[in-house]
């Protein structure tokens, strides 16, 4: 994972670029609002990716873990974490292509799993305090509020 950490600046820059390609759903989702979160969030995701997996098959866990949906569409973290995961995975793939003797499928799985685990916590936290919570007829919290 050290080779990925050496790409930290490039990952942050790529994350910023990818974030600006995403649809802005609210003022909080404006890339200029979110961009300052990238360096710290990247550090947290990489630290999580370096911890031993909590399941037997990291790849199965990573593929099976989906980001929560935001039915009202106001959660700014959805686009943020989608862009971040792509930037980090790209960096892992580039690192592996430059050093094929160290290429391991588990590194990709580890960063996907870590990114999705970290993102899920943040997305759920935001949805839990959303002002639009349960107002949209498809909101997963509608049953709780009613």
N, C-alpha and C. Protein backbone atom coordinates (compact mmCIF):
# COMPACT_ATOMS: atom_id res chain seq x y z
N UNK A 1 0.83 -1.19 0.00
CA UNK A 1 0.00 0.00 0.00
C UNK A 1 0.87 1.27 0.00
N UNK A 2 2.15 1.09 0.28
CA UNK A 2 3.07 2.24 0.27
C UNK A 2 3.13 2.90 -1.11
N UNK A 3 3.09 2.09 -2.16
CA UNK A 3 3.14 2.66 -3.51
C UNK A 3 1.91 3.51 -3.79
N UNK A 4 0.80 3.14 -3.20
CA UNK A 4 -0.43 3.93 -3.35
C UNK A 4 -0.32 5.21 -2.53
N UNK A 5 0.22 5.10 -1.33
CA UNK A 5 0.40 6.29 -0.49
C UNK A 5 1.33 7.31 -1.14
N UNK A 6 2.30 6.83 -1.90
CA UNK A 6 3.20 7.75 -2.60
C UNK A 6 2.45 8.52 -3.69
N UNK A 7 1.32 8.04 -4.10
CA UNK A 7 0.50 8.71 -5.11
C UNK A 7 -0.56 9.63 -4.48
N UNK A 8 -0.43 9.91 -3.23
CA UNK A 8 -1.45 10.67 -2.49
C UNK A 8 -1.85 11.97 -3.20
N UNK A 9 -0.89 12.76 -3.60
CA UNK A 9 -1.20 14.03 -4.26
C UNK A 9 -1.96 13.81 -5.57
N UNK A 10 -1.53 12.82 -6.33
CA UNK A 10 -2.20 12.51 -7.60
C UNK A 10 -3.62 12.00 -7.36
N UNK A 11 -3.81 11.20 -6.32
CA UNK A 11 -5.15 10.70 -6.00
C UNK A 11 -6.06 11.86 -5.63
N UNK A 12 -5.57 12.76 -4.80
CA UNK A 12 -6.37 13.92 -4.40
C UNK A 12 -6.77 14.76 -5.61
N UNK A 13 -5.84 14.96 -6.50
CA UNK A 13 -6.12 15.75 -7.71
C UNK A 13 -7.14 15.03 -8.60
N UNK A 14 -6.97 13.74 -8.79
CA UNK A 14 -7.90 12.95 -9.62
C UNK A 14 -9.29 12.92 -8.99
N UNK A 15 -9.35 12.77 -7.67
CA UNK A 15 -10.62 12.76 -6.95
C UNK A 15 -11.34 14.08 -7.19
N UNK A 16 -10.62 15.17 -7.11
CA UNK A 16 -11.18 16.50 -7.36
C UNK A 16 -11.76 16.57 -8.77
N UNK A 17 -11.00 16.11 -9.75
CA UNK A 17 -11.46 16.14 -11.15
C UNK A 17 -12.72 15.30 -11.31
N UNK A 18 -12.70 14.09 -10.78
CA UNK A 18 -13.86 13.20 -10.91
C UNK A 18 -15.07 13.76 -10.17
N UNK A 19 -14.85 14.37 -9.03
CA UNK A 19 -15.95 14.96 -8.26
C UNK A 19 -16.63 16.07 -9.06
N UNK A 20 -15.85 16.82 -9.80
CA UNK A 20 -16.43 17.92 -10.60
C UNK A 20 -17.22 17.42 -11.81
N UNK A 21 -17.07 16.14 -12.15
CA UNK A 21 -17.86 15.55 -13.24
C UNK A 21 -19.23 15.07 -12.77
N UNK A 22 -19.37 14.90 -11.46
CA UNK A 22 -20.63 14.39 -10.89
C UNK A 22 -21.68 15.49 -10.86
N UNK A 23 -22.93 15.05 -10.84
CA UNK A 23 -24.06 15.98 -10.75
C UNK A 23 -24.09 16.61 -9.36
N UNK A 24 -24.29 17.91 -9.32
CA UNK A 24 -24.39 18.63 -8.05
C UNK A 24 -25.86 18.66 -7.66
N UNK A 25 -26.19 17.97 -6.56
CA UNK A 25 -27.58 17.84 -6.15
C UNK A 25 -28.04 18.90 -5.15
N UNK A 26 -27.09 19.58 -4.53
CA UNK A 26 -27.42 20.61 -3.54
C UNK A 26 -26.19 21.47 -3.32
N UNK A 27 -26.34 22.62 -2.65
CA UNK A 27 -25.17 23.45 -2.36
C UNK A 27 -24.10 22.69 -1.57
N UNK A 28 -24.50 21.78 -0.71
CA UNK A 28 -23.53 21.00 0.05
C UNK A 28 -22.74 20.04 -0.84
N UNK A 29 -23.31 19.68 -1.99
CA UNK A 29 -22.64 18.76 -2.90
C UNK A 29 -21.74 19.49 -3.90
N UNK A 30 -21.64 20.79 -3.79
CA UNK A 30 -20.77 21.56 -4.65
C UNK A 30 -19.32 21.11 -4.42
N UNK A 31 -18.61 20.77 -5.49
CA UNK A 31 -17.22 20.33 -5.32
C UNK A 31 -16.35 21.30 -4.53
N UNK A 32 -16.60 22.59 -4.68
CA UNK A 32 -15.81 23.56 -3.92
C UNK A 32 -16.08 23.45 -2.42
N UNK A 33 -17.23 22.93 -2.05
CA UNK A 33 -17.57 22.70 -0.65
C UNK A 33 -16.92 21.42 -0.13
N UNK A 34 -16.86 20.40 -0.97
CA UNK A 34 -16.38 19.08 -0.55
C UNK A 34 -14.88 18.85 -0.70
N UNK A 35 -14.24 19.58 -1.58
CA UNK A 35 -12.85 19.30 -1.93
C UNK A 35 -11.91 19.32 -0.72
N UNK A 36 -12.21 20.13 0.27
CA UNK A 36 -11.33 20.20 1.44
C UNK A 36 -11.36 18.92 2.28
N UNK A 37 -12.36 18.06 2.05
CA UNK A 37 -12.46 16.79 2.78
C UNK A 37 -11.59 15.68 2.19
N UNK A 38 -11.14 15.87 0.96
CA UNK A 38 -10.45 14.80 0.24
C UNK A 38 -9.19 14.30 0.96
N UNK A 39 -8.23 15.13 1.33
CA UNK A 39 -6.99 14.60 1.93
C UNK A 39 -7.22 13.77 3.20
N UNK A 40 -8.03 14.27 4.10
CA UNK A 40 -8.28 13.55 5.35
C UNK A 40 -9.06 12.26 5.10
N UNK A 41 -10.04 12.34 4.23
CA UNK A 41 -10.84 11.16 3.90
C UNK A 41 -9.97 10.10 3.24
N UNK A 42 -9.09 10.51 2.35
CA UNK A 42 -8.18 9.57 1.69
C UNK A 42 -7.30 8.87 2.73
N UNK A 43 -6.76 9.62 3.67
CA UNK A 43 -5.93 9.03 4.72
C UNK A 43 -6.72 8.00 5.53
N UNK A 44 -7.97 8.31 5.85
CA UNK A 44 -8.81 7.39 6.63
C UNK A 44 -9.10 6.11 5.85
N UNK A 45 -9.40 6.25 4.57
CA UNK A 45 -9.71 5.08 3.74
C UNK A 45 -8.47 4.20 3.58
N UNK A 46 -7.31 4.80 3.34
CA UNK A 46 -6.09 4.01 3.19
C UNK A 46 -5.71 3.32 4.49
N UNK A 47 -5.92 3.98 5.61
CA UNK A 47 -5.64 3.35 6.91
C UNK A 47 -6.58 2.15 7.12
N UNK A 48 -7.83 2.32 6.77
CA UNK A 48 -8.79 1.22 6.89
C UNK A 48 -8.43 0.07 5.94
N UNK A 49 -7.96 0.40 4.75
CA UNK A 49 -7.57 -0.62 3.78
C UNK A 49 -6.37 -1.43 4.24
N UNK A 50 -5.55 -0.84 5.09
CA UNK A 50 -4.35 -1.52 5.58
C UNK A 50 -4.62 -2.42 6.79
N UNK A 51 -5.81 -2.33 7.35
CA UNK A 51 -6.13 -3.21 8.48
C UNK A 51 -6.53 -4.58 7.95
N UNK A 52 -6.29 -5.62 8.72
CA UNK A 52 -6.66 -6.95 8.25
C UNK A 52 -8.16 -7.04 7.99
N UNK A 53 -8.56 -7.77 6.95
CA UNK A 53 -9.99 -7.89 6.63
C UNK A 53 -10.73 -8.62 7.74
N UNK A 54 -11.99 -8.26 7.88
CA UNK A 54 -12.83 -8.87 8.92
C UNK A 54 -13.61 -10.06 8.40
N UNK A 55 -13.37 -10.43 7.15
CA UNK A 55 -14.06 -11.58 6.59
C UNK A 55 -13.05 -12.43 5.83
N UNK A 56 -13.45 -13.64 5.48
CA UNK A 56 -12.53 -14.55 4.80
C UNK A 56 -12.16 -14.08 3.41
N UNK A 57 -13.11 -13.52 2.70
CA UNK A 57 -12.85 -13.12 1.32
C UNK A 57 -13.10 -11.63 1.14
N UNK A 58 -12.02 -10.86 1.12
CA UNK A 58 -12.15 -9.41 0.97
C UNK A 58 -12.80 -9.06 -0.35
N UNK A 59 -12.46 -9.77 -1.43
CA UNK A 59 -13.03 -9.45 -2.74
C UNK A 59 -14.54 -9.67 -2.73
N UNK A 60 -15.00 -10.77 -2.16
CA UNK A 60 -16.43 -11.02 -2.08
C UNK A 60 -17.10 -9.94 -1.26
N UNK A 61 -16.50 -9.55 -0.17
CA UNK A 61 -17.05 -8.50 0.68
C UNK A 61 -17.11 -7.17 -0.08
N UNK A 62 -16.05 -6.84 -0.77
CA UNK A 62 -15.98 -5.57 -1.50
C UNK A 62 -17.04 -5.50 -2.59
N UNK A 63 -17.19 -6.59 -3.33
CA UNK A 63 -18.15 -6.60 -4.42
C UNK A 63 -19.58 -6.57 -3.87
N UNK A 64 -19.81 -7.26 -2.75
CA UNK A 64 -21.15 -7.33 -2.18
C UNK A 64 -21.57 -6.07 -1.45
N UNK A 65 -20.63 -5.26 -1.01
CA UNK A 65 -20.94 -4.06 -0.26
C UNK A 65 -21.35 -2.95 -1.21
N UNK A 66 -22.57 -2.51 -1.10
CA UNK A 66 -23.08 -1.43 -1.95
C UNK A 66 -23.26 -0.18 -1.11
N UNK A 67 -23.13 0.96 -1.72
CA UNK A 67 -23.37 2.21 -1.02
C UNK A 67 -24.87 2.36 -0.79
N UNK A 68 -25.25 2.95 0.34
CA UNK A 68 -26.68 3.16 0.57
C UNK A 68 -27.24 4.17 -0.43
N UNK A 69 -28.50 4.05 -0.69
CA UNK A 69 -29.12 5.01 -1.62
C UNK A 69 -29.62 6.22 -0.83
N UNK A 70 -29.75 7.31 -1.52
CA UNK A 70 -30.35 8.51 -0.94
C UNK A 70 -31.53 8.83 -1.83
N UNK A 71 -32.70 8.48 -1.37
CA UNK A 71 -33.88 8.59 -2.22
C UNK A 71 -34.32 10.02 -2.51
N UNK A 72 -33.99 10.95 -1.63
CA UNK A 72 -34.35 12.34 -1.92
C UNK A 72 -33.30 13.00 -2.81
N UNK A 73 -32.12 12.38 -2.90
CA UNK A 73 -31.07 12.88 -3.78
C UNK A 73 -30.28 14.06 -3.23
N UNK A 74 -30.43 14.36 -1.96
CA UNK A 74 -29.75 15.52 -1.38
C UNK A 74 -28.47 15.20 -0.62
N UNK A 75 -28.10 13.95 -0.55
CA UNK A 75 -26.89 13.58 0.19
C UNK A 75 -25.65 13.92 -0.63
N UNK A 76 -24.85 14.88 -0.17
CA UNK A 76 -23.67 15.31 -0.94
C UNK A 76 -22.56 14.27 -0.98
N UNK A 77 -22.62 13.31 -0.07
CA UNK A 77 -21.55 12.33 0.01
C UNK A 77 -21.62 11.24 -1.05
N UNK A 78 -22.76 11.04 -1.66
CA UNK A 78 -22.86 10.00 -2.69
C UNK A 78 -21.86 10.22 -3.81
N UNK A 79 -21.93 11.37 -4.44
CA UNK A 79 -21.02 11.68 -5.54
C UNK A 79 -19.57 11.77 -5.05
N UNK A 80 -19.39 12.31 -3.86
CA UNK A 80 -18.06 12.46 -3.28
C UNK A 80 -17.36 11.11 -3.15
N UNK A 81 -18.05 10.14 -2.60
CA UNK A 81 -17.42 8.83 -2.39
C UNK A 81 -17.34 7.98 -3.65
N UNK A 82 -18.24 8.16 -4.57
CA UNK A 82 -18.14 7.46 -5.85
C UNK A 82 -16.88 7.94 -6.58
N UNK A 83 -16.68 9.24 -6.62
CA UNK A 83 -15.49 9.80 -7.27
C UNK A 83 -14.22 9.36 -6.54
N UNK A 84 -14.27 9.36 -5.22
CA UNK A 84 -13.10 8.97 -4.44
C UNK A 84 -12.71 7.52 -4.64
N UNK A 85 -13.69 6.64 -4.64
CA UNK A 85 -13.39 5.23 -4.86
C UNK A 85 -12.73 5.02 -6.22
N UNK A 86 -13.25 5.69 -7.23
CA UNK A 86 -12.65 5.54 -8.56
C UNK A 86 -11.21 6.04 -8.57
N UNK A 87 -10.96 7.19 -7.96
CA UNK A 87 -9.59 7.75 -7.94
C UNK A 87 -8.62 6.82 -7.22
N UNK A 88 -9.06 6.24 -6.11
CA UNK A 88 -8.19 5.36 -5.34
C UNK A 88 -7.93 4.05 -6.09
N UNK A 89 -8.97 3.48 -6.65
CA UNK A 89 -8.80 2.22 -7.41
C UNK A 89 -7.88 2.44 -8.60
N UNK A 90 -8.04 3.56 -9.30
CA UNK A 90 -7.15 3.87 -10.42
C UNK A 90 -5.70 3.91 -9.95
N UNK A 91 -5.45 4.52 -8.80
CA UNK A 91 -4.09 4.62 -8.28
C UNK A 91 -3.52 3.24 -7.95
N UNK A 92 -4.34 2.37 -7.39
CA UNK A 92 -3.89 1.01 -7.08
C UNK A 92 -3.53 0.28 -8.37
N UNK A 93 -4.37 0.40 -9.37
CA UNK A 93 -4.12 -0.27 -10.65
C UNK A 93 -2.85 0.27 -11.29
N UNK A 94 -2.66 1.59 -11.27
CA UNK A 94 -1.43 2.17 -11.84
C UNK A 94 -0.21 1.69 -11.06
N UNK A 95 -0.32 1.63 -9.74
CA UNK A 95 0.80 1.14 -8.93
C UNK A 95 1.15 -0.29 -9.29
N UNK A 96 0.13 -1.10 -9.46
CA UNK A 96 0.36 -2.50 -9.79
C UNK A 96 0.95 -2.66 -11.19
N UNK A 97 0.55 -1.81 -12.11
CA UNK A 97 1.08 -1.93 -13.47
C UNK A 97 2.56 -1.56 -13.53
N UNK A 98 3.00 -0.72 -12.62
CA UNK A 98 4.41 -0.32 -12.59
C UNK A 98 5.27 -1.30 -11.82
N UNK A 99 4.65 -2.16 -11.06
CA UNK A 99 5.39 -3.12 -10.25
C UNK A 99 4.65 -4.46 -10.27
N UNK A 100 4.70 -5.15 -11.40
CA UNK A 100 3.90 -6.37 -11.54
C UNK A 100 4.23 -7.47 -10.54
N UNK A 101 5.41 -7.49 -9.99
CA UNK A 101 5.74 -8.52 -9.01
C UNK A 101 4.97 -8.32 -7.70
N UNK A 102 4.47 -7.11 -7.48
CA UNK A 102 3.72 -6.82 -6.27
C UNK A 102 2.22 -6.75 -6.53
N UNK A 103 1.83 -6.95 -7.78
CA UNK A 103 0.41 -6.84 -8.12
C UNK A 103 -0.40 -7.92 -7.42
N UNK A 104 -1.41 -7.47 -6.71
CA UNK A 104 -2.27 -8.41 -6.00
C UNK A 104 -3.71 -7.93 -6.11
N UNK A 105 -4.57 -8.85 -6.43
CA UNK A 105 -5.99 -8.56 -6.51
C UNK A 105 -6.51 -8.07 -5.15
N UNK A 106 -5.92 -8.56 -4.09
CA UNK A 106 -6.41 -8.20 -2.75
C UNK A 106 -6.23 -6.71 -2.44
N UNK A 107 -5.25 -6.05 -3.04
CA UNK A 107 -5.09 -4.61 -2.81
C UNK A 107 -6.27 -3.84 -3.37
N UNK A 108 -6.73 -4.21 -4.56
CA UNK A 108 -7.89 -3.55 -5.14
C UNK A 108 -9.12 -3.82 -4.26
N UNK A 109 -9.28 -5.07 -3.86
CA UNK A 109 -10.42 -5.43 -3.02
C UNK A 109 -10.37 -4.69 -1.69
N UNK A 110 -9.18 -4.56 -1.12
CA UNK A 110 -9.04 -3.87 0.17
C UNK A 110 -9.44 -2.41 0.08
N UNK A 111 -9.02 -1.73 -0.98
CA UNK A 111 -9.38 -0.31 -1.08
C UNK A 111 -10.86 -0.14 -1.40
N UNK A 112 -11.43 -1.03 -2.21
CA UNK A 112 -12.87 -0.94 -2.49
C UNK A 112 -13.66 -1.18 -1.20
N UNK A 113 -13.30 -2.21 -0.49
CA UNK A 113 -13.99 -2.52 0.77
C UNK A 113 -13.87 -1.37 1.76
N UNK A 114 -12.66 -0.84 1.91
CA UNK A 114 -12.43 0.27 2.85
C UNK A 114 -13.20 1.52 2.42
N UNK A 115 -13.15 1.84 1.13
CA UNK A 115 -13.84 3.03 0.64
C UNK A 115 -15.35 2.91 0.85
N UNK A 116 -15.90 1.75 0.56
CA UNK A 116 -17.35 1.58 0.71
C UNK A 116 -17.78 1.51 2.17
N UNK A 117 -16.96 0.91 2.99
CA UNK A 117 -17.28 0.86 4.42
C UNK A 117 -17.27 2.26 5.01
N UNK A 118 -16.22 3.00 4.72
CA UNK A 118 -16.10 4.37 5.23
C UNK A 118 -17.23 5.25 4.68
N UNK A 119 -17.49 5.13 3.38
CA UNK A 119 -18.53 5.93 2.74
C UNK A 119 -19.90 5.62 3.30
N UNK A 120 -20.18 4.34 3.53
CA UNK A 120 -21.49 3.96 4.07
C UNK A 120 -21.75 4.64 5.41
N UNK A 121 -20.75 4.65 6.27
CA UNK A 121 -20.92 5.30 7.57
C UNK A 121 -21.23 6.79 7.41
N UNK A 122 -20.53 7.46 6.53
CA UNK A 122 -20.73 8.89 6.33
C UNK A 122 -22.07 9.19 5.65
N UNK A 123 -22.42 8.41 4.65
CA UNK A 123 -23.68 8.61 3.94
C UNK A 123 -24.85 8.38 4.89
N UNK A 124 -24.78 7.30 5.66
CA UNK A 124 -25.85 7.00 6.62
C UNK A 124 -25.97 8.09 7.68
N UNK A 125 -24.84 8.61 8.15
CA UNK A 125 -24.87 9.67 9.15
C UNK A 125 -25.58 10.91 8.60
N UNK A 126 -25.27 11.26 7.35
CA UNK A 126 -25.90 12.43 6.75
C UNK A 126 -27.40 12.19 6.55
N UNK A 127 -27.77 11.03 6.03
CA UNK A 127 -29.19 10.72 5.83
C UNK A 127 -29.94 10.72 7.15
N UNK A 128 -29.27 10.31 8.21
CA UNK A 128 -29.91 10.27 9.51
C UNK A 128 -30.28 11.63 10.06
N UNK A 129 -29.62 12.67 9.61
CA UNK A 129 -29.93 14.02 10.09
C UNK A 129 -30.48 14.92 8.99
N UNK A 130 -30.79 14.35 7.85
CA UNK A 130 -31.26 15.13 6.70
C UNK A 130 -32.60 15.81 7.00
N UNK A 131 -32.70 17.06 6.58
CA UNK A 131 -33.95 17.81 6.76
C UNK A 131 -35.06 17.29 5.86
N UNK A 132 -34.71 16.58 4.83
CA UNK A 132 -35.69 16.03 3.90
C UNK A 132 -36.10 14.61 4.29
N UNK A 133 -35.56 14.14 5.40
CA UNK A 133 -35.79 12.77 5.85
C UNK A 133 -37.28 12.48 5.92
N UNK A 134 -37.68 11.44 5.26
CA UNK A 134 -39.04 10.91 5.20
C UNK A 134 -40.03 11.79 4.44
N UNK A 135 -39.61 12.91 3.90
CA UNK A 135 -40.52 13.76 3.12
C UNK A 135 -40.71 13.23 1.71
N UNK A 136 -39.67 12.62 1.16
CA UNK A 136 -39.76 12.05 -0.18
C UNK A 136 -40.42 10.69 -0.06
N UNK A 137 -41.37 10.40 -0.93
CA UNK A 137 -42.14 9.16 -0.81
C UNK A 137 -41.30 7.89 -0.95
N UNK A 138 -40.10 8.00 -1.51
CA UNK A 138 -39.23 6.83 -1.64
C UNK A 138 -38.18 6.76 -0.52
N UNK A 139 -38.17 7.71 0.39
CA UNK A 139 -37.16 7.75 1.45
C UNK A 139 -37.24 6.49 2.30
N UNK A 140 -36.11 5.87 2.53
CA UNK A 140 -36.09 4.63 3.31
C UNK A 140 -36.42 4.89 4.79
N UNK A 141 -36.43 6.15 5.20
CA UNK A 141 -36.78 6.49 6.57
C UNK A 141 -38.26 6.81 6.74
N UNK A 142 -39.03 6.82 5.67
CA UNK A 142 -40.44 7.18 5.72
C UNK A 142 -41.21 6.29 6.70
N UNK A 143 -40.95 5.01 6.70
CA UNK A 143 -41.65 4.09 7.60
C UNK A 143 -41.32 4.37 9.06
N UNK A 144 -40.08 4.79 9.32
CA UNK A 144 -39.66 5.08 10.69
C UNK A 144 -40.36 6.34 11.21
N UNK A 145 -40.46 7.36 10.36
CA UNK A 145 -41.05 8.63 10.77
C UNK A 145 -42.57 8.54 10.89
N UNK A 146 -43.18 7.64 10.11
CA UNK A 146 -44.65 7.55 10.08
C UNK A 146 -45.14 6.74 11.15
